[in-house]
Amino acid sequence: MLLHGRWTADELAVPSVWQGLPARLQRALKDGHGWDLCSLQRLDHTGAQLLWNAWGRQWPAQLQLLPEQRTMLERVAQFSAPAPVPVPYSWHAVYLGLGRRVMGVVNHLGAAVRLLGQLLLDLLRLLRHPLHAPWRDISGHLYRIGATAMPITALVGFLIGVVLAYLMSQQLRQFGADAFIVNILGLSLIRELGPVLAAILIAGRSGSAITAQIGVMRVTEELDAMRVLGIAKGFRLVMPRTVAMAVAMPLLSVWTTLAALLGGMLAADLAMGLTPAYFITALPKTVQIANLWLALAKSAVFGVLIALIACHYGLRVKPNTQSLGEGTTASVVTSITVVILVDALFAVLFKGVGL
């Protein structure tokens, strides 16, 4: 079989060239024709690998080629790995795969329970010996988690408030219930959207940073050095971040809620003619203070959960960069999922509070 043209990766990637090519090579191999590669304009590793696979990973009986082409094919033949054996589908394999996933979940839950227990012991140690606590670490994490997150949380909260106000104004205007936008915005932002929005932003921003920080310490063997020096990882790594997150989250929740209320108030003034003075006067009358306390409690719980999940995945990172990326991604996804689940649980348990 006389081959011609350019057998390179960019040429073979064209669908019109690739379609039907493996089948033609297989037919030529079955017919027992000789192979002539001398007319090829160019041959790279991709084309050589394609030919080597078409020949059944062995040299054909009749082959004419140039010396540089032989060198290319010999290199491909030397480093070609055997094709993986396909795993047959069976219910037994599905059952074993399900068991591995269940055991992985159980392993994660066990490690999370141990991490929570160690956190409680570290907090007890903090109360017993407050002078020996890592206050500098706590203040540093409080600044990085809370103060540096204020611009993005305020911006997102403001935009969410504007969007909600405009959408609600279109519906309420149809029924002449413009004044009820204060009730809807106040209750939804103070009780639900403010804490959840702040928690999701912090989970993606600070939670991923915590996981990456601890994961890099694993990659650079700093965690091993801490163990050799007798420094408790929970007291110096997990507890400061958890305390800082538990303190920062309620404050960020209030900050995000205020920004969202400001955006909703301005949008209501522009879209419905409700003045900011009326909005500020009507808000305390329509939304009870118990909703704010509930939001602060939820935010503190969200902060503890985000910090624990971030530290959990950071401590499970293996000393390689792939595991670091996978752990950071899993930390963010798990934190956001847990925040939404816990918020739904709070909504069911405290459905009659503050209404």
Foldseek 3Di string as FASTA:
>chain_A
DEDEEEQDPVVCPPVVNVPPVLVVLLVCLVVLDAYEDARYPYHALNSLLSNCVSNVLDDRPHYHYDPVSVVSNVVCSVPPDDDDDDDDDDVVVVVVVVVVVVVVVVVLVVLLVVLVVVLVVLVVVCVVCVVPAPVVLLVVLLCVLAVVCLVVLLVVLLVLLQVVLVVVLVVCVVVVNLVCVLLVLLLCLQQPVLLLVLLLVSLLPVLLVLLLVLQVCQLVVVVVVCVVVVHDCSRPRQNSQLVSLLVRQLVSSVSSSVSSLVNNQVNSCVRPVDHPVNSVVCNCVNWPPQSNVNSSVLRSVLSNLLSSLSVSLSVVQHNDDVSSVVSSVVSSVVSSVVSVVVSVVSCVVPVPPGD
